[in-house]
PDB file of N, CA and C in Angstrom:
ATOM      1  N   MET A   1     120.578 128.002  73.645  1.00  0.00           N
ATOM      2  CA  MET A   1     119.525 126.717  74.327  1.00  0.00           C
ATOM      3  C   MET A   1     118.762 127.830  75.592  1.00  0.00           C
ATOM      4  N   THR A   2     117.747 128.440  75.352  1.00  0.00           N
ATOM      5  CA  THR A   2     116.745 128.917  76.092  1.00  0.00           C
ATOM      6  C   THR A   2     116.483 128.328  77.649  1.00  0.00           C
ATOM      7  N   GLN A   3     116.270 129.104  78.758  1.00  0.00           N
ATOM      8  CA  GLN A   3     115.193 128.343  79.685  1.00  0.00           C
ATOM      9  C   GLN A   3     114.114 127.885  79.008  1.00  0.00           C
ATOM     10  N   LEU A   4     113.351 128.159  78.402  1.00  0.00           N
ATOM     11  CA  LEU A   4     111.881 127.038  77.854  1.00  0.00           C
ATOM     12  C   LEU A   4     112.550 126.469  77.294  1.00  0.00           C
ATOM     13  N   ASP A   5     113.747 126.222  75.960  1.00  0.00           N
ATOM     14  CA  ASP A   5     114.141 124.782  75.638  1.00  0.00           C
ATOM     15  C   ASP A   5     114.580 124.072  76.722  1.00  0.00           C
ATOM     16  N   ARG A   6     115.272 124.214  78.241  1.00  0.00           N
ATOM     17  CA  ARG A   6     115.802 123.472  78.701  1.00  0.00           C
ATOM     18  C   ARG A   6     114.935 122.858  79.633  1.00  0.00           C
ATOM     19  N   ASP A   7     113.285 123.673  80.112  1.00  0.00           N
ATOM     20  CA  ASP A   7     112.276 123.705  80.289  1.00  0.00           C
ATOM     21  C   ASP A   7     111.662 122.260  79.771  1.00  0.00           C
ATOM     22  N   ARG A   8     111.394 122.298  78.711  1.00  0.00           N
ATOM     23  CA  ARG A   8     111.119 121.587  78.024  1.00  0.00           C
ATOM     24  C   ARG A   8     111.448 120.110  77.782  1.00  0.00           C
ATOM     25  N   ASP A   9     112.629 120.120  77.268  1.00  0.00           N
ATOM     26  CA  ASP A   9     113.762 118.925  77.309  1.00  0.00           C
ATOM     27  C   ASP A   9     113.409 118.110  78.582  1.00  0.00           C
ATOM     28  N   GLU A  10     113.160 119.102  79.208  1.00  0.00           N
ATOM     29  CA  GLU A  10     112.772 118.558  80.995  1.00  0.00           C
ATOM     30  C   GLU A  10     112.003 117.648  80.879  1.00  0.00           C
ATOM     31  N   ILE A  11     110.498 118.172  80.978  1.00  0.00           N
ATOM     32  CA  ILE A  11     109.212 117.682  80.338  1.00  0.00           C
ATOM     33  C   ILE A  11     109.751 116.648  80.137  1.00  0.00           C
ATOM     34  N   ASP A  12     109.553 116.771  78.295  1.00  0.00           N
ATOM     35  CA  ASP A  12     109.821 115.627  77.866  1.00  0.00           C
ATOM     36  C   ASP A  12     110.400 114.091  78.393  1.00  0.00           C
ATOM     37  N   ARG A  13     111.640 114.413  79.307  1.00  0.00           N
ATOM     38  CA  ARG A  13     112.401 113.555  79.926  1.00  0.00           C
ATOM     39  C   ARG A  13     110.938 112.344  80.876  1.00  0.00           C
ATOM     40  N   ILE A  14     110.386 114.007  81.874  1.00  0.00           N
ATOM     41  CA  ILE A  14     109.793 113.401  82.695  1.00  0.00           C
ATOM     42  C   ILE A  14     108.552 112.615  82.039  1.00  0.00           C
ATOM     43  N   ASP A  15     107.878 113.197  80.727  1.00  0.00           N
ATOM     44  CA  ASP A  15     106.673 112.523  79.877  1.00  0.00           C
ATOM     45  C   ASP A  15     106.948 111.403  79.711  1.00  0.00           C
ATOM     46  N   ALA A  16     108.877 110.623  79.359  1.00  0.00           N
ATOM     47  CA  ALA A  16     109.274 109.106  79.050  1.00  0.00           C
ATOM     48  C   ALA A  16     108.802 108.279  79.771  1.00  0.00           C
ATOM     49  N   GLN A  17     109.368 109.053  81.371  1.00  0.00           N
ATOM     50  CA  GLN A  17     109.138 107.996  82.711  1.00  0.00           C
ATOM     51  C   GLN A  17     107.730 107.726  83.058  1.00  0.00           C
ATOM     52  N   ILE A  18     107.300 109.249  82.519  1.00  0.00           N
ATOM     53  CA  ILE A  18     105.322 108.743  82.858  1.00  0.00           C
ATOM     54  C   ILE A  18     105.310 107.525  82.194  1.00  0.00           C
ATOM     55  N   ALA A  19     105.312 108.140  80.820  1.00  0.00           N
ATOM     56  CA  ALA A  19     104.535 106.383  79.995  1.00  0.00           C
ATOM     57  C   ALA A  19     105.445 105.369  80.600  1.00  0.00           C
ATOM     58  N   GLU A  20     106.147 105.288  80.183  1.00  0.00           N
ATOM     59  CA  GLU A  20     106.954 103.879  80.898  1.00  0.00           C
ATOM     60  C   GLU A  20     106.030 103.453  82.258  1.00  0.00           C
ATOM     61  N   LEU A  21     105.920 104.018  83.403  1.00  0.00           N
ATOM     62  CA  LEU A  21     105.490 103.822  84.744  1.00  0.00           C
ATOM     63  C   LEU A  21     103.648 103.573  84.386  1.00  0.00           C
ATOM     64  N   PHE A  22     103.330 104.138  83.679  1.00  0.00           N
ATOM     65  CA  PHE A  22     102.126 104.033  83.056  1.00  0.00           C
ATOM     66  C   PHE A  22     101.693 102.395  82.344  1.00  0.00           C
ATOM     67  N   GLU A  23     102.773 102.316  81.411  1.00  0.00           N
ATOM     68  CA  GLU A  23     102.831 100.997  80.690  1.00  0.00           C
ATOM     69  C   GLU A  23     102.269  99.569  81.724  1.00  0.00           C
ATOM     70  N   LYS A  24     103.852  99.788  82.903  1.00  0.00           N
ATOM     71  CA  LYS A  24     103.681  98.875  83.682  1.00  0.00           C
ATOM     72  C   LYS A  24     102.932  98.755  84.700  1.00  0.00           C
ATOM     73  N   ARG A  25     102.151  99.810  85.210  1.00  0.00           N
ATOM     74  CA  ARG A  25     101.351  99.740  85.861  1.00  0.00           C
ATOM     75  C   ARG A  25      99.970  98.868  85.277  1.00  0.00           C
ATOM     76  N   PHE A  26      99.595  99.489  83.778  1.00  0.00           N
ATOM     77  CA  PHE A  26      98.620  98.560  83.303  1.00  0.00           C
ATOM     78  C   PHE A  26      98.989  97.198  83.103  1.00  0.00           C
ATOM     79  N   ARG A  27     100.288  96.552  82.897  1.00  0.00           N
ATOM     80  CA  ARG A  27     100.809  95.540  82.360  1.00  0.00           C
ATOM     81  C   ARG A  27     100.297  94.707  84.656  1.00  0.00           C
ATOM     82  N   THR A  28     100.591  95.691  85.201  1.00  0.00           N
ATOM     83  CA  THR A  28     100.170  94.572  86.363  1.00  0.00           C
ATOM     84  C   THR A  28      99.028  94.227  86.572  1.00  0.00           C
ATOM     85  N   VAL A  29      98.442  95.742  86.077  1.00  0.00           N
ATOM     86  CA  VAL A  29      96.476  95.392  86.137  1.00  0.00           C
ATOM     87  C   VAL A  29      96.337  94.495  85.924  1.00  0.00           C
ATOM     88  N   GLU A  30      96.543  93.921  84.595  1.00  0.00           N
ATOM     89  CA  GLU A  30      96.467  92.379  83.928  1.00  0.00           C
ATOM     90  C   GLU A  30      96.294  91.373  84.931  1.00  0.00           C
ATOM     91  N   ASP A  31      97.774  91.231  85.726  1.00  0.00           N
ATOM     92  CA  ASP A  31      97.378  90.045  86.861  1.00  0.00           C
ATOM     93  C   ASP A  31      96.465  90.584  87.890  1.00  0.00           C
ATOM     94  N   VAL A  32      96.170  91.599  88.514  1.00  0.00           N
ATOM     95  CA  VAL A  32      95.091  92.331  89.042  1.00  0.00           C
ATOM     96  C   VAL A  32      93.614  91.278  88.944  1.00  0.00           C
ATOM     97  N   ILE A  33      93.135  91.617  87.662  1.00  0.00           N
ATOM     98  CA  ILE A  33      92.096  91.367  86.714  1.00  0.00           C
ATOM     99  C   ILE A  33      92.117  89.719  87.224  1.00  0.00           C
ATOM    100  N   GLN A  34      93.603  88.962  86.494  1.00  0.00           N
ATOM    101  CA  GLN A  34      92.999  87.870  86.828  1.00  0.00           C
ATOM    102  C   GLN A  34      93.018  86.871  88.140  1.00  0.00           C
ATOM    103  N   TYR A  35      93.758  87.457  88.986  1.00  0.00           N
ATOM    104  CA  TYR A  35      93.194  87.333  90.471  1.00  0.00           C
ATOM    105  C   TYR A  35      91.750  87.243  90.840  1.00  0.00           C
ATOM    106  N   LYS A  36      91.212  88.805  90.143  1.00  0.00           N
ATOM    107  CA  LYS A  36      89.651  89.061  90.657  1.00  0.00           C
ATOM    108  C   LYS A  36      88.743  88.262  90.339  1.00  0.00           C
ATOM    109  N   GLN A  37      89.202  87.593  89.029  1.00  0.00           N
ATOM    110  CA  GLN A  37      88.104  86.673  88.186  1.00  0.00           C
ATOM    111  C   GLN A  37      88.132  85.756  88.877  1.00  0.00           C
ATOM    112  N   GLU A  38      89.961  84.541  89.674  1.00  0.00           N
ATOM    113  CA  GLU A  38      89.461  83.589  89.630  1.00  0.00           C
ATOM    114  C   GLU A  38      88.837  83.560  91.296  1.00  0.00           C
ATOM    115  N   ASN A  39      88.942  84.652  91.736  1.00  0.00           N
ATOM    116  CA  ASN A  39      88.428  84.904  93.482  1.00  0.00           C
ATOM    117  C   ASN A  39      86.744  85.671  93.789  1.00  0.00           C
ATOM    118  N   HIS A  40      86.090  85.791  92.504  1.00  0.00           N
ATOM    119  CA  HIS A  40      84.989  85.968  92.180  1.00  0.00           C
ATOM    120  C   HIS A  40      85.160  87.728  92.977  1.00  0.00           C
ATOM    121  N   LEU A  41      85.817  88.672  92.736  1.00  0.00           N
ATOM    122  CA  LEU A  41      85.871  89.630  93.446  1.00  0.00           C
ATOM    123  C   LEU A  41      85.534  90.867  92.383  1.00  0.00           C
ATOM    124  N   SER A  42      84.896  91.762  92.576  1.00  0.00           N
ATOM    125  CA  SER A  42      84.562  93.033  91.676  1.00  0.00           C
ATOM    126  C   SER A  42      85.135  93.653  91.707  1.00  0.00           C
ATOM    127  N   ILE A  43      84.844  94.172  90.517  1.00  0.00           N
ATOM    128  CA  ILE A  43      86.834  94.922  89.553  1.00  0.00           C
ATOM    129  C   ILE A  43      86.715  96.320  91.045  1.00  0.00           C
ATOM    130  N   LEU A  44      85.818  97.335  91.264  1.00  0.00           N
ATOM    131  CA  LEU A  44      85.811  98.095  91.652  1.00  0.00           C
ATOM    132  C   LEU A  44      85.699  97.848  93.369  1.00  0.00           C
ATOM    133  N   ASN A  45      86.668  98.486  93.978  1.00  0.00           N
ATOM    134  CA  ASN A  45      87.050  98.218  95.295  1.00  0.00           C
ATOM    135  C   ASN A  45      87.084  99.755  95.989  1.00  0.00           C
ATOM    136  N   GLN A  46      86.320  99.787  95.792  1.00  0.00           N
ATOM    137  CA  GLN A  46      85.930 101.740  96.439  1.00  0.00           C
ATOM    138  C   GLN A  46      86.340 102.457  97.572  1.00  0.00           C
ATOM    139  N   GLY A  47      87.003 101.245  99.018  1.00  0.00           N
ATOM    140  CA  GLY A  47      87.549 101.734  99.536  1.00  0.00           C
ATOM    141  C   GLY A  47      88.956 101.638  99.099  1.00  0.00           C
ATOM    142  N   ARG A  48      89.242 100.464  98.790  1.00  0.00           N
ATOM    143  CA  ARG A  48      90.609 100.538  98.564  1.00  0.00           C
ATOM    144  C   ARG A  48      91.327 101.465  97.275  1.00  0.00           C
ATOM    145  N   GLU A  49      90.327 102.281  96.320  1.00  0.00           N
ATOM    146  CA  GLU A  49      90.422 102.685  95.772  1.00  0.00           C
ATOM    147  C   GLU A  49      90.831 104.855  96.507  1.00  0.00           C
ATOM    148  N   ASP A  50      89.966 104.744  97.604  1.00  0.00           N
ATOM    149  CA  ASP A  50      90.093 105.574  98.669  1.00  0.00           C
ATOM    150  C   ASP A  50      91.111 105.685  99.184  1.00  0.00           C
ATOM    151  N   THR A  51      91.796 104.387  99.748  1.00  0.00           N
ATOM    152  CA  THR A  51      92.523 104.405 100.479  1.00  0.00           C
ATOM    153  C   THR A  51      94.252 105.150  99.678  1.00  0.00           C
ATOM    154  N   ILE A  52      94.300 104.585  98.605  1.00  0.00           N
ATOM    155  CA  ILE A  52      95.374 104.787  98.004  1.00  0.00           C
ATOM    156  C   ILE A  52      95.170 105.835  97.215  1.00  0.00           C
ATOM    157  N   THR A  53      94.284 106.367  97.158  1.00  0.00           N
ATOM    158  CA  THR A  53      94.167 108.082  96.904  1.00  0.00           C
ATOM    159  C   THR A  53      94.889 109.148  97.519  1.00  0.00           C
ATOM    160  N   GLU A  54      93.960 108.699  99.059  1.00  0.00           N
ATOM    161  CA  GLU A  54      94.673 109.760 100.093  1.00  0.00           C
ATOM    162  C   GLU A  54      96.285 109.321 100.062  1.00  0.00           C
ATOM    163  N   LYS A  55      96.426 108.460 100.035  1.00  0.00           N
ATOM    164  CA  LYS A  55      98.243 107.640 100.468  1.00  0.00           C
ATOM    165  C   LYS A  55      99.033 108.789  99.556  1.00  0.00           C
ATOM    166  N   ASN A  56      98.562 108.270  98.080  1.00  0.00           N
ATOM    167  CA  ASN A  56      99.435 109.077  97.027  1.00  0.00           C
ATOM    168  C   ASN A  56      99.502 110.198  96.821  1.00  0.00           C
ATOM    169  N   ALA A  57      98.202 111.211  97.494  1.00  0.00           N
ATOM    170  CA  ALA A  57      98.394 112.511  97.233  1.00  0.00           C
ATOM    171  C   ALA A  57      98.862 112.658  98.404  1.00  0.00           C
ATOM    172  N   ALA A  58      99.502 112.123  99.688  1.00  0.00           N
ATOM    173  CA  ALA A  58     100.056 112.555 100.604  1.00  0.00           C
ATOM    174  C   ALA A  58     101.101 112.868 100.699  1.00  0.00           C
ATOM    175  N   ARG A  59     102.202 112.546  99.115  1.00  0.00           N
ATOM    176  CA  ARG A  59     103.469 112.339  98.879  1.00  0.00           C
ATOM    177  C   ARG A  59     103.427 113.665  97.852  1.00  0.00           C
ATOM    178  N   ILE A  60     102.403 114.487  97.141  1.00  0.00           N
ATOM    179  CA  ILE A  60     102.852 115.581  97.020  1.00  0.00           C
ATOM    180  C   ILE A  60     102.807 116.774  98.606  1.00  0.00           C
ATOM    181  N   GLN A  61     104.159 116.878  98.022  1.00  0.00           N
ATOM    182  CA  GLN A  61     104.359 118.021  99.048  1.00  0.00           C
ATOM    183  C   GLN A  61     103.372 119.171  98.423  1.00  0.00           C
ATOM    184  N   SER A  62     103.568 120.103  97.792  1.00  0.00           N
ATOM    185  CA  SER A  62     102.504 121.179  97.323  1.00  0.00           C
ATOM    186  C   SER A  62     101.005 120.959  97.641  1.00  0.00           C
ATOM    187  N   SER A  63     100.752 121.946  98.601  1.00  0.00           N
ATOM    188  CA  SER A  63      99.023 121.726  98.506  1.00  0.00           C
ATOM    189  C   SER A  63      98.326 122.935  96.892  1.00  0.00           C
ATOM    190  N   ASP A  64      99.429 123.247  96.196  1.00  0.00           N
ATOM    191  CA  ASP A  64      98.657 124.316  95.262  1.00  0.00           C
ATOM    192  C   ASP A  64      98.593 122.980  94.115  1.00  0.00           C
ATOM    193  N   ILE A  65      99.501 121.781  94.026  1.00  0.00           N
ATOM    194  CA  ILE A  65      99.565 120.380  93.038  1.00  0.00           C
ATOM    195  C   ILE A  65      98.515 120.017  93.852  1.00  0.00           C
ATOM    196  N   ARG A  66      98.719 119.426  94.560  1.00  0.00           N
ATOM    197  CA  ARG A  66      97.680 117.808  94.906  1.00  0.00           C
ATOM    198  C   ARG A  66      96.261 118.011  94.294  1.00  0.00           C
ATOM    199  N   PRO A  67      95.336 118.760  94.727  1.00  0.00           N
ATOM    200  CA  PRO A  67      94.036 118.640  93.739  1.00  0.00           C
ATOM    201  C   PRO A  67      94.278 118.282  92.746  1.00  0.00           C
ATOM    202  N   TYR A  68      95.260 118.626  91.866  1.00  0.00           N
ATOM    203  CA  TYR A  68      95.374 118.356  90.574  1.00  0.00           C
ATOM    204  C   TYR A  68      95.822 116.857  90.377  1.00  0.00           C
ATOM    205  N   PHE A  69      97.086 116.680  90.955  1.00  0.00           N
ATOM    206  CA  PHE A  69      97.304 114.924  91.361  1.00  0.00           C
ATOM    207  C   PHE A  69      95.989 114.134  91.807  1.00  0.00           C
ATOM    208  N   ILE A  70      95.214 114.377  92.442  1.00  0.00           N
ATOM    209  CA  ILE A  70      94.343 114.102  92.518  1.00  0.00           C
ATOM    210  C   ILE A  70      93.670 113.662  91.460  1.00  0.00           C
ATOM    211  N   LYS A  71      92.952 114.723  90.820  1.00  0.00           N
ATOM    212  CA  LYS A  71      91.927 114.489  89.818  1.00  0.00           C
ATOM    213  C   LYS A  71      92.747 113.167  88.704  1.00  0.00           C
ATOM    214  N   MET A  72      94.595 113.891  88.054  1.00  0.00           N
ATOM    215  CA  MET A  72      95.029 112.713  87.800  1.00  0.00           C
ATOM    216  C   MET A  72      94.596 111.210  88.160  1.00  0.00           C
ATOM    217  N   TYR A  73      95.078 111.292  89.409  1.00  0.00           N
ATOM    218  CA  TYR A  73      94.872 109.751  90.109  1.00  0.00           C
ATOM    219  C   TYR A  73      93.694 109.119  89.793  1.00  0.00           C
ATOM    220  N   LYS A  74      92.634 109.985  89.990  1.00  0.00           N
ATOM    221  CA  LYS A  74      91.257 109.191  90.048  1.00  0.00           C
ATOM    222  C   LYS A  74      90.516 108.986  88.473  1.00  0.00           C
ATOM    223  N   GLU A  75      91.687 109.662  87.597  1.00  0.00           N
ATOM    224  CA  GLU A  75      91.572 109.525  86.119  1.00  0.00           C
ATOM    225  C   GLU A  75      91.936 107.743  86.010  1.00  0.00           C
ATOM    226  N   ILE A  76      93.390 107.918  86.808  1.00  0.00           N
ATOM    227  CA  ILE A  76      93.784 106.326  86.365  1.00  0.00           C
ATOM    228  C   ILE A  76      92.932 105.300  86.561  1.00  0.00           C
ATOM    229  N   LEU A  77      92.864 105.696  87.821  1.00  0.00           N
ATOM    230  CA  LEU A  77      92.326 104.676  88.631  1.00  0.00           C
ATOM    231  C   LEU A  77      90.811 103.952  87.463  1.00  0.00           C
ATOM    232  N   SER A  78      90.112 105.463  87.250  1.00  0.00           N
ATOM    233  CA  SER A  78      89.067 104.787  86.521  1.00  0.00           C
ATOM    234  C   SER A  78      89.411 104.367  84.843  1.00  0.00           C
ATOM    235  N   LEU A  79      90.437 104.658  84.388  1.00  0.00           N
ATOM    236  CA  LEU A  79      90.920 103.889  83.118  1.00  0.00           C
ATOM    237  C   LEU A  79      91.368 102.497  83.382  1.00  0.00           C
ATOM    238  N   SER A  80      91.674 102.576  84.728  1.00  0.00           N
ATOM    239  CA  SER A  80      92.343 100.923  85.066  1.00  0.00           C
ATOM    240  C   SER A  80      91.049 100.291  85.237  1.00  0.00           C
ATOM    241  N   ARG A  81      90.077 100.962  85.886  1.00  0.00           N
ATOM    242  CA  ARG A  81      88.634  99.775  85.841  1.00  0.00           C
ATOM    243  C   ARG A  81      88.559  99.548  84.690  1.00  0.00           C
ATOM    244  N   LYS A  82      88.147 100.315  83.623  1.00  0.00           N
ATOM    245  CA  LYS A  82      88.089  99.828  82.411  1.00  0.00           C
ATOM    246  C   LYS A  82      88.385  99.144  81.302  1.00  0.00           C
ATOM    247  N   TYR A  83      90.554  99.119  81.852  1.00  0.00           N
ATOM    248  CA  TYR A  83      90.708  98.068  81.286  1.00  0.00           C
ATOM    249  C   TYR A  83      90.667  96.618  81.952  1.00  0.00           C
ATOM    250  N   GLN A  84      90.350  96.753  83.308  1.00  0.00           N
ATOM    251  CA  GLN A  84      89.758  95.290  83.781  1.00  0.00           C
ATOM    252  C   GLN A  84      88.409  94.846  83.249  1.00  0.00           C
ATOM    253  N   GLN A  85      87.760  95.426  82.733  1.00  0.00           N
ATOM    254  CA  GLN A  85      86.623  95.316  82.079  1.00  0.00           C
ATOM    255  C   GLN A  85      86.632  94.693  80.981  1.00  0.00           C
ATOM    256  N   GLU A  86      87.923  95.396  79.890  1.00  0.00           N
ATOM    257  CA  GLU A  86      87.866  95.410  78.628  1.00  0.00           C
ATOM    258  C   GLU A  86      88.339  93.801  78.833  1.00  0.00           C
ATOM    259  N   ILE A  87      89.729  93.630  79.433  1.00  0.00           N
ATOM    260  CA  ILE A  87      90.254  92.571  79.420  1.00  0.00           C
ATOM    261  C   ILE A  87      88.877  91.229  79.909  1.00  0.00           C
ATOM    262  N   LEU A  88      87.788  91.532  81.051  1.00  0.00           N
ATOM    263  CA  LEU A  88      87.043  90.186  81.045  1.00  0.00           C
ATOM    264  C   LEU A  88      86.546  89.999  79.797  1.00  0.00           C
ATOM    265  N   ASN A  89      85.884  91.779  79.263  1.00  0.00           N
ATOM    266  CA  ASN A  89      85.132  91.133  78.310  1.00  0.00           C
ATOM    267  C   ASN A  89      85.865  90.554  77.110  1.00  0.00           C
ATOM    268  N   ARG A  90      86.466  90.520  76.947  1.00  0.00           N
ATOM    269  CA  ARG A  90      87.510  89.625  75.732  1.00  0.00           C
ATOM    270  C   ARG A  90      87.751  88.016  76.293  1.00  0.00           C
ATOM    271  N   LYS A  91      87.806  87.636  77.092  1.00  0.00           N
ATOM    272  CA  LYS A  91      87.816  86.763  77.838  1.00  0.00           C
ATOM    273  C   LYS A  91      86.667  85.473  78.020  1.00  0.00           C
ATOM    274  N   GLU A  92      85.664  86.772  77.687  1.00  0.00           N
ATOM    275  CA  GLU A  92      84.056  86.207  77.432  1.00  0.00           C
ATOM    276  C   GLU A  92      84.013  85.538  76.226  1.00  0.00           C
ATOM    277  N   GLU A  93      84.306  86.587  75.323  1.00  0.00           N
ATOM    278  CA  GLU A  93      83.851  86.523  74.102  1.00  0.00           C
ATOM    279  C   GLU A  93      84.919  85.617  73.287  1.00  0.00           C
ATOM    280  N   GLY A  94      86.521  85.039  74.359  1.00  0.00           N
ATOM    281  CA  GLY A  94      87.135  84.413  73.785  1.00  0.00           C
ATOM    282  C   GLY A  94      87.960  84.653  72.661  1.00  0.00           C
ATOM    283  N   SER A  95      88.530  86.162  72.640  1.00  0.00           N
ATOM    284  CA  SER A  95      89.267  86.870  72.329  1.00  0.00           C
ATOM    285  C   SER A  95      90.845  86.230  73.190  1.00  0.00           C
ATOM    286  N   LEU A  96      91.240  85.843  74.790  1.00  0.00           N
ATOM    287  CA  LEU A  96      92.044  86.083  74.873  1.00  0.00           C
ATOM    288  C   LEU A  96      92.402  84.286  75.402  1.00  0.00           C
TER     289      LEU A  96
END
């Protein structure tokens, strides 16, 4: 096995962990939107998003990698908002 093969195997293992955590995060988002709906809160809380983006970006030690993490994280937050809106839409339609 070449180093490239070993590196690709490691990436595959990491990707499996990312997929598992992504799904876990979005299952938790289902609880968050339930709370927001019950308490008449909007989906977007820009201050919270800015705070958690900064906090999580600070966990990235490499200054070369950090901007890419921020872009990825902002996309995750955007997808999370879209998923929350989808859940609300389904509730309004009576699909849930």
